């Protein structure tokens, strides 16, 4: 086999592998979009709901957590719930993508 034909064959194989990886990434991203994570803070007074793509889907606040004289506590509970939910979402995305990438971190995948 000539060198040029071998290089062309290797290139073709590599392109097929890249296309397969893109398809698998798209599938994982679809799965992540369907994932729902709920995280509570303040003893369940505030709940943040996110998906596996780090999108905030909802915030639930127990009416008992609303004290007009102490809004700062409510704000802190909301921040805590949202930040923890986003961390869990990123961890989930990293876990799912690492199955595909073999633990290799590829910027821009998630």
PDB file of N, CA and C in Angstrom:
ATOM      1  N   UNK A   1       0.856  -1.177   0.000  1.00  0.00           N
ATOM      2  CA  UNK A   1       0.000   0.000   0.000  1.00  0.00           C
ATOM      3  C   UNK A   1       0.896   1.231   0.000  1.00  0.00           C
ATOM      4  N   UNK A   2       0.533   2.179  -0.794  1.00  0.00           N
ATOM      5  CA  UNK A   2       1.303   3.418  -0.864  1.00  0.00           C
ATOM      6  C   UNK A   2       1.047   4.256   0.378  1.00  0.00           C
ATOM      7  N   UNK A   3       2.031   5.053   0.708  1.00  0.00           N
ATOM      8  CA  UNK A   3       1.944   5.903   1.908  1.00  0.00           C
ATOM      9  C   UNK A   3       0.735   6.833   1.841  1.00  0.00           C
ATOM     10  N   UNK A   4       0.479   7.442   0.683  1.00  0.00           N
ATOM     11  CA  UNK A   4      -0.656   8.354   0.546  1.00  0.00           C
ATOM     12  C   UNK A   4      -1.988   7.667   0.808  1.00  0.00           C
ATOM     13  N   UNK A   5      -2.141   6.440   0.345  1.00  0.00           N
ATOM     14  CA  UNK A   5      -3.385   5.686   0.566  1.00  0.00           C
ATOM     15  C   UNK A   5      -3.553   5.353   2.042  1.00  0.00           C
ATOM     16  N   UNK A   6      -2.420   5.023   2.698  1.00  0.00           N
ATOM     17  CA  UNK A   6      -2.475   4.696   4.134  1.00  0.00           C
ATOM     18  C   UNK A   6      -2.887   5.922   4.944  1.00  0.00           C
ATOM     19  N   UNK A   7      -2.317   7.072   4.627  1.00  0.00           N
ATOM     20  CA  UNK A   7      -2.659   8.313   5.330  1.00  0.00           C
ATOM     21  C   UNK A   7      -4.129   8.644   5.110  1.00  0.00           C
ATOM     22  N   UNK A   8      -4.596   8.479   3.858  1.00  0.00           N
ATOM     23  CA  UNK A   8      -5.999   8.760   3.550  1.00  0.00           C
ATOM     24  C   UNK A   8      -6.920   7.818   4.327  1.00  0.00           C
ATOM     25  N   UNK A   9      -6.529   6.541   4.418  1.00  0.00           N
ATOM     26  CA  UNK A   9      -7.331   5.575   5.185  1.00  0.00           C
ATOM     27  C   UNK A   9      -7.370   5.920   6.659  1.00  0.00           C
ATOM     28  N   UNK A  10      -6.220   6.318   7.215  1.00  0.00           N
ATOM     29  CA  UNK A  10      -6.161   6.715   8.625  1.00  0.00           C
ATOM     30  C   UNK A  10      -7.003   7.962   8.866  1.00  0.00           C
ATOM     31  N   UNK A  11      -6.944   8.891   7.936  1.00  0.00           N
ATOM     32  CA  UNK A  11      -7.721  10.120   8.048  1.00  0.00           C
ATOM     33  C   UNK A  11      -9.214   9.809   8.027  1.00  0.00           C
ATOM     34  N   UNK A  12      -9.618   8.921   7.134  1.00  0.00           N
ATOM     35  CA  UNK A  12     -11.023   8.524   7.020  1.00  0.00           C
ATOM     36  C   UNK A  12     -11.495   7.851   8.306  1.00  0.00           C
ATOM     37  N   UNK A  13     -10.657   6.976   8.851  1.00  0.00           N
ATOM     38  CA  UNK A  13     -10.996   6.295  10.105  1.00  0.00           C
ATOM     39  C   UNK A  13     -11.133   7.306  11.241  1.00  0.00           C
ATOM     40  N   UNK A  14     -10.218   8.265  11.284  1.00  0.00           N
ATOM     41  CA  UNK A  14     -10.259   9.287  12.327  1.00  0.00           C
ATOM     42  C   UNK A  14     -11.529  10.134  12.209  1.00  0.00           C
ATOM     43  N   UNK A  15     -11.910  10.497  10.994  1.00  0.00           N
ATOM     44  CA  UNK A  15     -13.131  11.280  10.796  1.00  0.00           C
ATOM     45  C   UNK A  15     -14.356  10.510  11.266  1.00  0.00           C
ATOM     46  N   UNK A  16     -14.388   9.213  10.994  1.00  0.00           N
ATOM     47  CA  UNK A  16     -15.511   8.380  11.450  1.00  0.00           C
ATOM     48  C   UNK A  16     -15.562   8.332  12.973  1.00  0.00           C
ATOM     49  N   UNK A  17     -14.405   8.223  13.607  1.00  0.00           N
ATOM     50  CA  UNK A  17     -14.356   8.197  15.068  1.00  0.00           C
ATOM     51  C   UNK A  17     -14.817   9.534  15.655  1.00  0.00           C
ATOM     52  N   UNK A  18     -14.412  10.627  15.027  1.00  0.00           N
ATOM     53  CA  UNK A  18     -14.835  11.955  15.496  1.00  0.00           C
ATOM     54  C   UNK A  18     -16.341  12.099  15.355  1.00  0.00           C
ATOM     55  N   UNK A  19     -16.906  11.659  14.244  1.00  0.00           N
ATOM     56  CA  UNK A  19     -18.350  11.743  14.035  1.00  0.00           C
ATOM     57  C   UNK A  19     -19.090  10.908  15.073  1.00  0.00           C
ATOM     58  N   UNK A  20     -18.571   9.716  15.355  1.00  0.00           N
ATOM     59  CA  UNK A  20     -19.207   8.858  16.361  1.00  0.00           C
ATOM     60  C   UNK A  20     -19.169   9.542  17.728  1.00  0.00           C
ATOM     61  N   UNK A  21     -18.029  10.155  18.067  1.00  0.00           N
ATOM     62  CA  UNK A  21     -17.907  10.847  19.344  1.00  0.00           C
ATOM     63  C   UNK A  21     -18.882  12.018  19.414  1.00  0.00           C
ATOM     64  N   UNK A  22     -19.017  12.761  18.329  1.00  0.00           N
ATOM     65  CA  UNK A  22     -19.983  13.872  18.312  1.00  0.00           C
ATOM     66  C   UNK A  22     -21.400  13.370  18.565  1.00  0.00           C
ATOM     67  N   UNK A  23     -21.745  12.259  17.953  1.00  0.00           N
ATOM     68  CA  UNK A  23     -23.082  11.686  18.154  1.00  0.00           C
ATOM     69  C   UNK A  23     -23.281  11.271  19.601  1.00  0.00           C
ATOM     70  N   UNK A  24     -22.252  10.677  20.195  1.00  0.00           N
ATOM     71  CA  UNK A  24     -22.356  10.255  21.588  1.00  0.00           C
ATOM     72  C   UNK A  24     -22.441  11.467  22.526  1.00  0.00           C
ATOM     73  N   UNK A  25     -21.699  12.523  22.222  1.00  0.00           N
ATOM     74  CA  UNK A  25     -21.766  13.748  23.021  1.00  0.00           C
ATOM     75  C   UNK A  25     -23.167  14.342  22.943  1.00  0.00           C
ATOM     76  N   UNK A  26     -23.737  14.382  21.740  1.00  0.00           N
ATOM     77  CA  UNK A  26     -25.094  14.917  21.570  1.00  0.00           C
ATOM     78  C   UNK A  26     -26.094  14.096  22.374  1.00  0.00           C
ATOM     79  N   UNK A  27     -25.918  12.781  22.382  1.00  0.00           N
ATOM     80  CA  UNK A  27     -26.818  11.906  23.148  1.00  0.00           C
ATOM     81  C   UNK A  27     -26.695  12.188  24.648  1.00  0.00           C
ATOM     82  N   UNK A  28     -25.468  12.335  25.122  1.00  0.00           N
ATOM     83  CA  UNK A  28     -25.256  12.629  26.543  1.00  0.00           C
ATOM     84  C   UNK A  28     -25.849  13.985  26.895  1.00  0.00           C
ATOM     85  N   UNK A  29     -25.680  14.969  26.035  1.00  0.00           N
ATOM     86  CA  UNK A  29     -26.244  16.291  26.309  1.00  0.00           C
ATOM     87  C   UNK A  29     -27.771  16.234  26.365  1.00  0.00           C
ATOM     88  N   UNK A  30     -28.384  15.418  25.521  1.00  0.00           N
ATOM     89  CA  UNK A  30     -29.840  15.238  25.585  1.00  0.00           C
ATOM     90  C   UNK A  30     -30.238  14.618  26.915  1.00  0.00           C
ATOM     91  N   UNK A  31     -29.482  13.608  27.341  1.00  0.00           N
ATOM     92  CA  UNK A  31     -29.752  12.965  28.633  1.00  0.00           C
ATOM     93  C   UNK A  31     -29.617  13.973  29.772  1.00  0.00           C
ATOM     94  N   UNK A  32     -28.575  14.791  29.715  1.00  0.00           N
ATOM     95  CA  UNK A  32     -28.357  15.784  30.776  1.00  0.00           C
ATOM     96  C   UNK A  32     -29.486  16.803  30.826  1.00  0.00           C
ATOM     97  N   UNK A  33     -30.013  17.171  29.676  1.00  0.00           N
ATOM     98  CA  UNK A  33     -31.117  18.136  29.638  1.00  0.00           C
ATOM     99  C   UNK A  33     -32.359  17.567  30.330  1.00  0.00           C
ATOM    100  N   UNK A  34     -32.498  16.248  30.332  1.00  0.00           N
ATOM    101  CA  UNK A  34     -33.670  15.606  30.952  1.00  0.00           C
ATOM    102  C   UNK A  34     -33.483  15.349  32.447  1.00  0.00           C
ATOM    103  N   UNK A  35     -32.247  15.384  32.910  1.00  0.00           N
ATOM    104  CA  UNK A  35     -31.962  15.148  34.330  1.00  0.00           C
ATOM    105  C   UNK A  35     -32.532  16.277  35.182  1.00  0.00           C
ATOM    106  N   UNK A  36     -33.021  15.949  36.363  1.00  0.00           N
ATOM    107  CA  UNK A  36     -33.535  16.949  37.303  1.00  0.00           C
ATOM    108  C   UNK A  36     -32.871  16.715  38.650  1.00  0.00           C
ATOM    109  N   UNK A  37     -32.253  17.757  39.174  1.00  0.00           N
ATOM    110  CA  UNK A  37     -31.634  17.689  40.486  1.00  0.00           C
ATOM    111  C   UNK A  37     -32.314  18.704  41.387  1.00  0.00           C
ATOM    112  N   UNK A  38     -32.712  18.267  42.566  1.00  0.00           N
ATOM    113  CA  UNK A  38     -33.335  19.165  43.546  1.00  0.00           C
ATOM    114  C   UNK A  38     -32.443  19.222  44.776  1.00  0.00           C
ATOM    115  N   UNK A  39     -32.092  20.429  45.163  1.00  0.00           N
ATOM    116  CA  UNK A  39     -31.236  20.621  46.327  1.00  0.00           C
ATOM    117  C   UNK A  39     -31.902  21.622  47.254  1.00  0.00           C
ATOM    118  N   UNK A  40     -31.958  21.265  48.537  1.00  0.00           N
ATOM    119  CA  UNK A  40     -32.589  22.142  49.529  1.00  0.00           C
ATOM    120  C   UNK A  40     -31.534  22.765  50.431  1.00  0.00           C
ATOM    121  N   UNK A  41     -31.888  23.916  50.964  1.00  0.00           N
ATOM    122  CA  UNK A  41     -31.037  24.604  51.934  1.00  0.00           C
ATOM    123  C   UNK A  41     -31.929  25.141  53.049  1.00  0.00           C
ATOM    124  N   UNK A  42     -31.308  25.481  54.150  1.00  0.00           N
ATOM    125  CA  UNK A  42     -32.066  26.037  55.269  1.00  0.00           C
ATOM    126  C   UNK A  42     -33.068  25.049  55.832  1.00  0.00           C
ATOM    127  N   UNK A  43     -32.660  23.787  55.917  1.00  0.00           N
ATOM    128  CA  UNK A  43     -33.567  22.776  56.461  1.00  0.00           C
ATOM    129  C   UNK A  43     -34.788  22.548  55.595  1.00  0.00           C
ATOM    130  N   UNK A  44     -34.629  22.696  54.292  1.00  0.00           N
ATOM    131  CA  UNK A  44     -35.735  22.475  53.371  1.00  0.00           C
ATOM    132  C   UNK A  44     -36.570  23.712  53.101  1.00  0.00           C
ATOM    133  N   UNK A  45     -36.145  24.840  53.616  1.00  0.00           N
ATOM    134  CA  UNK A  45     -36.919  26.073  53.422  1.00  0.00           C
ATOM    135  C   UNK A  45     -36.834  26.590  51.990  1.00  0.00           C
ATOM    136  N   UNK A  46     -35.705  26.319  51.311  1.00  0.00           N
ATOM    137  CA  UNK A  46     -35.510  26.756  49.929  1.00  0.00           C
ATOM    138  C   UNK A  46     -35.011  25.557  49.126  1.00  0.00           C
ATOM    139  N   UNK A  47     -35.625  25.340  47.961  1.00  0.00           N
ATOM    140  CA  UNK A  47     -35.214  24.257  47.082  1.00  0.00           C
ATOM    141  C   UNK A  47     -34.930  24.821  45.696  1.00  0.00           C
ATOM    142  N   UNK A  48     -33.772  24.458  45.159  1.00  0.00           N
ATOM    143  CA  UNK A  48     -33.412  24.835  43.793  1.00  0.00           C
ATOM    144  C   UNK A  48     -33.497  23.584  42.926  1.00  0.00           C
ATOM    145  N   UNK A  49     -34.072  23.738  41.745  1.00  0.00           N
ATOM    146  CA  UNK A  49     -34.200  22.634  40.793  1.00  0.00           C
ATOM    147  C   UNK A  49     -33.410  23.024  39.545  1.00  0.00           C
ATOM    148  N   UNK A  50     -32.479  22.145  39.148  1.00  0.00           N
ATOM    149  CA  UNK A  50     -31.677  22.377  37.955  1.00  0.00           C
ATOM    150  C   UNK A  50     -31.681  21.120  37.097  1.00  0.00           C
ATOM    151  N   UNK A  51     -31.276  21.290  35.835  1.00  0.00           N
ATOM    152  CA  UNK A  51     -31.096  20.111  34.998  1.00  0.00           C
ATOM    153  C   UNK A  51     -29.609  19.818  34.882  1.00  0.00           C
ATOM    154  N   UNK A  52     -29.266  18.792  34.133  1.00  0.00           N
ATOM    155  CA  UNK A  52     -27.876  18.392  33.992  1.00  0.00           C
ATOM    156  C   UNK A  52     -27.059  19.305  33.109  1.00  0.00           C
ATOM    157  N   UNK A  53     -27.676  20.346  32.566  1.00  0.00           N
ATOM    158  CA  UNK A  53     -26.958  21.321  31.747  1.00  0.00           C
ATOM    159  C   UNK A  53     -26.785  22.648  32.487  1.00  0.00           C
ATOM    160  N   UNK A  54     -26.883  22.592  33.798  1.00  0.00           N
ATOM    161  CA  UNK A  54     -26.701  23.741  34.681  1.00  0.00           C
ATOM    162  C   UNK A  54     -27.702  24.857  34.420  1.00  0.00           C
ATOM    163  N   UNK A  55     -28.912  24.482  34.031  1.00  0.00           N
ATOM    164  CA  UNK A  55     -29.990  25.459  33.865  1.00  0.00           C
ATOM    165  C   UNK A  55     -30.889  25.389  35.084  1.00  0.00           C
ATOM    166  N   UNK A  56     -31.182  26.536  35.663  1.00  0.00           N
ATOM    167  CA  UNK A  56     -32.072  26.585  36.823  1.00  0.00           C
ATOM    168  C   UNK A  56     -33.498  26.467  36.310  1.00  0.00           C
ATOM    169  N   UNK A  57     -34.199  25.443  36.790  1.00  0.00           N
ATOM    170  CA  UNK A  57     -35.560  25.173  36.335  1.00  0.00           C
ATOM    171  C   UNK A  57     -36.604  25.720  37.298  1.00  0.00           C
ATOM    172  N   UNK A  58     -36.198  25.908  38.535  1.00  0.00           N
ATOM    173  CA  UNK A  58     -37.168  26.426  39.493  1.00  0.00           C
ATOM    174  C   UNK A  58     -36.550  26.670  40.854  1.00  0.00           C
ATOM    175  N   UNK A  59     -37.232  27.518  41.596  1.00  0.00           N
ATOM    176  CA  UNK A  59     -36.873  27.817  42.988  1.00  0.00           C
ATOM    177  C   UNK A  59     -38.168  27.722  43.784  1.00  0.00           C
ATOM    178  N   UNK A  60     -38.141  26.937  44.848  1.00  0.00           N
ATOM    179  CA  UNK A  60     -39.304  26.856  45.741  1.00  0.00           C
ATOM    180  C   UNK A  60     -38.902  27.409  47.101  1.00  0.00           C
ATOM    181  N   UNK A  61     -39.757  28.263  47.625  1.00  0.00           N
ATOM    182  CA  UNK A  61     -39.489  28.878  48.921  1.00  0.00           C
ATOM    183  C   UNK A  61     -40.672  28.588  49.837  1.00  0.00           C
ATOM    184  N   UNK A  62     -40.386  27.995  50.957  1.00  0.00           N
ATOM    185  CA  UNK A  62     -41.408  27.749  51.965  1.00  0.00           C
ATOM    186  C   UNK A  62     -41.838  29.106  52.521  1.00  0.00           C
ATOM    187  N   UNK A  63     -43.135  29.381  52.552  1.00  0.00           N
ATOM    188  CA  UNK A  63     -43.597  30.681  53.058  1.00  0.00           C
ATOM    189  C   UNK A  63     -43.071  31.021  54.455  1.00  0.00           C
ATOM    190  N   UNK A  64     -42.789  30.001  55.256  1.00  0.00           N
ATOM    191  CA  UNK A  64     -42.261  30.247  56.598  1.00  0.00           C
ATOM    192  C   UNK A  64     -40.864  30.870  56.555  1.00  0.00           C
ATOM    193  N   UNK A  65     -40.174  30.750  55.400  1.00  0.00           N
ATOM    194  CA  UNK A  65     -38.822  31.306  55.272  1.00  0.00           C
ATOM    195  C   UNK A  65     -38.844  32.798  54.965  1.00  0.00           C
ATOM    196  N   UNK A  66     -40.024  33.320  54.666  1.00  0.00           N
ATOM    197  CA  UNK A  66     -40.129  34.727  54.275  1.00  0.00           C
ATOM    198  C   UNK A  66     -40.367  35.588  55.518  1.00  0.00           C
ATOM    199  N   UNK A  67     -39.327  36.287  55.905  1.00  0.00           N
ATOM    200  CA  UNK A  67     -39.409  37.212  57.032  1.00  0.00           C
ATOM    201  C   UNK A  67     -38.980  38.578  56.501  1.00  0.00           C
ATOM    202  N   UNK A  68     -39.945  39.500  56.327  1.00  0.00           N
ATOM    203  CA  UNK A  68     -39.610  40.803  55.761  1.00  0.00           C
ATOM    204  C   UNK A  68     -38.534  41.553  56.558  1.00  0.00           C
ATOM    205  N   UNK A  69     -38.352  41.182  57.810  1.00  0.00           N
ATOM    206  CA  UNK A  69     -37.345  41.849  58.633  1.00  0.00           C
ATOM    207  C   UNK A  69     -35.960  41.209  58.506  1.00  0.00           C
ATOM    208  N   UNK A  70     -35.887  40.076  57.810  1.00  0.00           N
ATOM    209  CA  UNK A  70     -34.597  39.385  57.676  1.00  0.00           C
ATOM    210  C   UNK A  70     -34.486  38.744  56.284  1.00  0.00           C
ATOM    211  N   UNK A  71     -34.521  39.566  55.279  1.00  0.00           N
ATOM    212  CA  UNK A  71     -34.449  39.100  53.892  1.00  0.00           C
ATOM    213  C   UNK A  71     -33.085  38.477  53.596  1.00  0.00           C
ATOM    214  N   UNK A  72     -32.049  38.939  54.291  1.00  0.00           N
ATOM    215  CA  UNK A  72     -30.698  38.444  54.034  1.00  0.00           C
ATOM    216  C   UNK A  72     -30.586  36.941  54.259  1.00  0.00           C
ATOM    217  N   UNK A  73     -31.249  36.427  55.262  1.00  0.00           N
ATOM    218  CA  UNK A  73     -31.214  34.979  55.533  1.00  0.00           C
ATOM    219  C   UNK A  73     -31.832  34.230  54.359  1.00  0.00           C
ATOM    220  N   UNK A  74     -32.948  34.704  53.841  1.00  0.00           N
ATOM    221  CA  UNK A  74     -33.598  34.072  52.688  1.00  0.00           C
ATOM    222  C   UNK A  74     -32.673  34.113  51.473  1.00  0.00           C
ATOM    223  N   UNK A  75     -32.037  35.251  51.255  1.00  0.00           N
ATOM    224  CA  UNK A  75     -31.107  35.374  50.130  1.00  0.00           C
ATOM    225  C   UNK A  75     -29.964  34.370  50.259  1.00  0.00           C
ATOM    226  N   UNK A  76     -29.437  34.197  51.446  1.00  0.00           N
ATOM    227  CA  UNK A  76     -28.347  33.249  51.684  1.00  0.00           C
ATOM    228  C   UNK A  76     -28.795  31.817  51.429  1.00  0.00           C
ATOM    229  N   UNK A  77     -30.019  31.482  51.852  1.00  0.00           N
ATOM    230  CA  UNK A  77     -30.539  30.135  51.608  1.00  0.00           C
ATOM    231  C   UNK A  77     -30.717  29.881  50.110  1.00  0.00           C
ATOM    232  N   UNK A  78     -31.205  30.882  49.387  1.00  0.00           N
ATOM    233  CA  UNK A  78     -31.386  30.739  47.937  1.00  0.00           C
ATOM    234  C   UNK A  78     -30.029  30.527  47.267  1.00  0.00           C
ATOM    235  N   UNK A  79     -29.056  31.351  47.612  1.00  0.00           N
ATOM    236  CA  UNK A  79     -27.717  31.201  47.039  1.00  0.00           C
ATOM    237  C   UNK A  79     -27.123  29.833  47.356  1.00  0.00           C
ATOM    238  N   UNK A  80     -27.276  29.391  48.577  1.00  0.00           N
ATOM    239  CA  UNK A  80     -26.724  28.093  48.972  1.00  0.00           C
ATOM    240  C   UNK A  80     -27.365  26.966  48.165  1.00  0.00           C
ATOM    241  N   UNK A  81     -28.685  26.998  48.032  1.00  0.00           N
ATOM    242  CA  UNK A  81     -29.386  25.947  47.291  1.00  0.00           C
ATOM    243  C   UNK A  81     -28.993  25.955  45.814  1.00  0.00           C
ATOM    244  N   UNK A  82     -28.974  27.133  45.217  1.00  0.00           N
ATOM    245  CA  UNK A  82     -28.644  27.242  43.787  1.00  0.00           C
ATOM    246  C   UNK A  82     -27.199  26.815  43.532  1.00  0.00           C
ATOM    247  N   UNK A  83     -26.274  27.304  44.333  1.00  0.00           N
ATOM    248  CA  UNK A  83     -24.871  26.951  44.120  1.00  0.00           C
ATOM    249  C   UNK A  83     -24.625  25.455  44.297  1.00  0.00           C
ATOM    250  N   UNK A  84     -25.242  24.846  45.290  1.00  0.00           N
ATOM    251  CA  UNK A  84     -25.079  23.406  45.506  1.00  0.00           C
ATOM    252  C   UNK A  84     -25.720  22.623  44.358  1.00  0.00           C
ATOM    253  N   UNK A  85     -26.873  23.062  43.886  1.00  0.00           N
ATOM    254  CA  UNK A  85     -27.534  22.377  42.768  1.00  0.00           C
ATOM    255  C   UNK A  85     -26.679  22.464  41.502  1.00  0.00           C
ATOM    256  N   UNK A  86     -26.105  23.626  41.249  1.00  0.00           N
ATOM    257  CA  UNK A  86     -25.247  23.783  40.068  1.00  0.00           C
ATOM    258  C   UNK A  86     -23.986  22.924  40.179  1.00  0.00           C
ATOM    259  N   UNK A  87     -23.414  22.830  41.386  1.00  0.00           N
ATOM    260  CA  UNK A  87     -22.240  21.972  41.590  1.00  0.00           C
ATOM    261  C   UNK A  87     -22.595  20.507  41.293  1.00  0.00           C
ATOM    262  N   UNK A  88     -23.744  20.070  41.796  1.00  0.00           N
ATOM    263  CA  UNK A  88     -24.158  18.696  41.558  1.00  0.00           C
ATOM    264  C   UNK A  88     -24.416  18.448  40.074  1.00  0.00           C
ATOM    265  N   UNK A  89     -24.975  19.432  39.405  1.00  0.00           N
ATOM    266  CA  UNK A  89     -25.238  19.320  37.980  1.00  0.00           C
ATOM    267  C   UNK A  89     -23.930  19.204  37.197  1.00  0.00           C
ATOM    268  N   UNK A  90     -22.944  20.036  37.536  1.00  0.00           N
ATOM    269  CA  UNK A  90     -21.634  19.962  36.865  1.00  0.00           C
ATOM    270  C   UNK A  90     -20.967  18.606  37.123  1.00  0.00           C
ATOM    271  N   UNK A  91     -21.082  18.123  38.363  1.00  0.00           N
ATOM    272  CA  UNK A  91     -20.497  16.822  38.700  1.00  0.00           C
ATOM    273  C   UNK A  91     -21.155  15.709  37.878  1.00  0.00           C
ATOM    274  N   UNK A  92     -22.469  15.791  37.728  1.00  0.00           N
ATOM    275  CA  UNK A  92     -23.194  14.802  36.929  1.00  0.00           C
ATOM    276  C   UNK A  92     -22.730  14.854  35.476  1.00  0.00           C
ATOM    277  N   UNK A  93     -22.608  16.051  34.920  1.00  0.00           N
ATOM    278  CA  UNK A  93     -22.155  16.202  33.537  1.00  0.00           C
ATOM    279  C   UNK A  93     -20.735  15.666  33.378  1.00  0.00           C
ATOM    280  N   UNK A  94     -19.872  15.971  34.322  1.00  0.00           N
ATOM    281  CA  UNK A  94     -18.493  15.494  34.268  1.00  0.00           C
ATOM    282  C   UNK A  94     -18.456  13.968  34.311  1.00  0.00           C
ATOM    283  N   UNK A  95     -19.266  13.392  35.181  1.00  0.00           N
ATOM    284  CA  UNK A  95     -19.319  11.932  35.310  1.00  0.00           C
ATOM    285  C   UNK A  95     -19.768  11.285  33.998  1.00  0.00           C
ATOM    286  N   UNK A  96     -20.844  11.806  33.414  1.00  0.00           N
ATOM    287  CA  UNK A  96     -21.359  11.227  32.178  1.00  0.00           C
ATOM    288  C   UNK A  96     -20.382  11.401  31.017  1.00  0.00           C
ATOM    289  N   UNK A  97     -19.779  12.567  30.906  1.00  0.00           N
ATOM    290  CA  UNK A  97     -18.846  12.814  29.809  1.00  0.00           C
ATOM    291  C   UNK A  97     -17.550  12.027  29.989  1.00  0.00           C
ATOM    292  N   UNK A  98     -17.134  11.806  31.233  1.00  0.00           N
ATOM    293  CA  UNK A  98     -15.875  11.086  31.455  1.00  0.00           C
ATOM    294  C   UNK A  98     -15.984   9.639  30.999  1.00  0.00           C
ATOM    295  N   UNK A  99     -17.193   9.092  30.972  1.00  0.00           N
ATOM    296  CA  UNK A  99     -17.374   7.741  30.428  1.00  0.00           C
ATOM    297  C   UNK A  99     -16.999   7.714  28.947  1.00  0.00           C
ATOM    298  N   UNK A 100     -17.288   8.799  28.268  1.00  0.00           N
ATOM    299  CA  UNK A 100     -16.994   8.897  26.835  1.00  0.00           C
ATOM    300  C   UNK A 100     -15.527   9.250  26.587  1.00  0.00           C
ATOM    301  N   UNK A 101     -15.001  10.155  27.393  1.00  0.00           N
ATOM    302  CA  UNK A 101     -13.649  10.660  27.150  1.00  0.00           C
ATOM    303  C   UNK A 101     -12.588   9.902  27.937  1.00  0.00           C
ATOM    304  N   UNK A 102     -12.993   8.906  28.702  1.00  0.00           N
ATOM    305  CA  UNK A 102     -12.027   8.151  29.490  1.00  0.00           C
ATOM    306  C   UNK A 102     -11.360   8.975  30.570  1.00  0.00           C
ATOM    307  N   UNK A 103     -12.072   9.970  31.081  1.00  0.00           N
ATOM    308  CA  UNK A 103     -11.537  10.830  32.137  1.00  0.00           C
ATOM    309  C   UNK A 103     -10.754  12.021  31.624  1.00  0.00           C
ATOM    310  N   UNK A 104     -10.546  12.081  30.321  1.00  0.00           N
ATOM    311  CA  UNK A 104      -9.839  13.205  29.720  1.00  0.00           C
ATOM    312  C   UNK A 104     -10.742  14.429  29.707  1.00  0.00           C
ATOM    313  N   UNK A 105     -10.268  15.528  30.239  1.00  0.00           N
ATOM    314  CA  UNK A 105     -11.054  16.748  30.262  1.00  0.00           C
ATOM    315  C   UNK A 105     -10.886  17.482  28.937  1.00  0.00           C
ATOM    316  N   UNK A 106     -11.997  17.674  28.235  1.00  0.00           N
ATOM    317  CA  UNK A 106     -11.970  18.368  26.953  1.00  0.00           C
ATOM    318  C   UNK A 106     -12.780  19.655  27.102  1.00  0.00           C
ATOM    319  N   UNK A 107     -12.109  20.807  27.068  1.00  0.00           N
ATOM    320  CA  UNK A 107     -12.814  22.084  27.244  1.00  0.00           C
ATOM    321  C   UNK A 107     -13.946  22.266  26.243  1.00  0.00           C
ATOM    322  N   UNK A 108     -15.054  22.804  26.723  1.00  0.00           N
ATOM    323  CA  UNK A 108     -16.167  23.100  25.839  1.00  0.00           C
ATOM    324  C   UNK A 108     -17.189  21.988  25.708  1.00  0.00           C
ATOM    325  N   UNK A 109     -16.906  20.796  26.263  1.00  0.00           N
ATOM    326  CA  UNK A 109     -17.870  19.701  26.162  1.00  0.00           C
ATOM    327  C   UNK A 109     -19.034  19.895  27.119  1.00  0.00           C
ATOM    328  N   UNK A 110     -18.758  20.486  28.274  1.00  0.00           N
ATOM    329  CA  UNK A 110     -19.810  20.673  29.274  1.00  0.00           C
ATOM    330  C   UNK A 110     -19.436  21.800  30.175  1.00  0.00           C
TER     331      UNK A 110
END
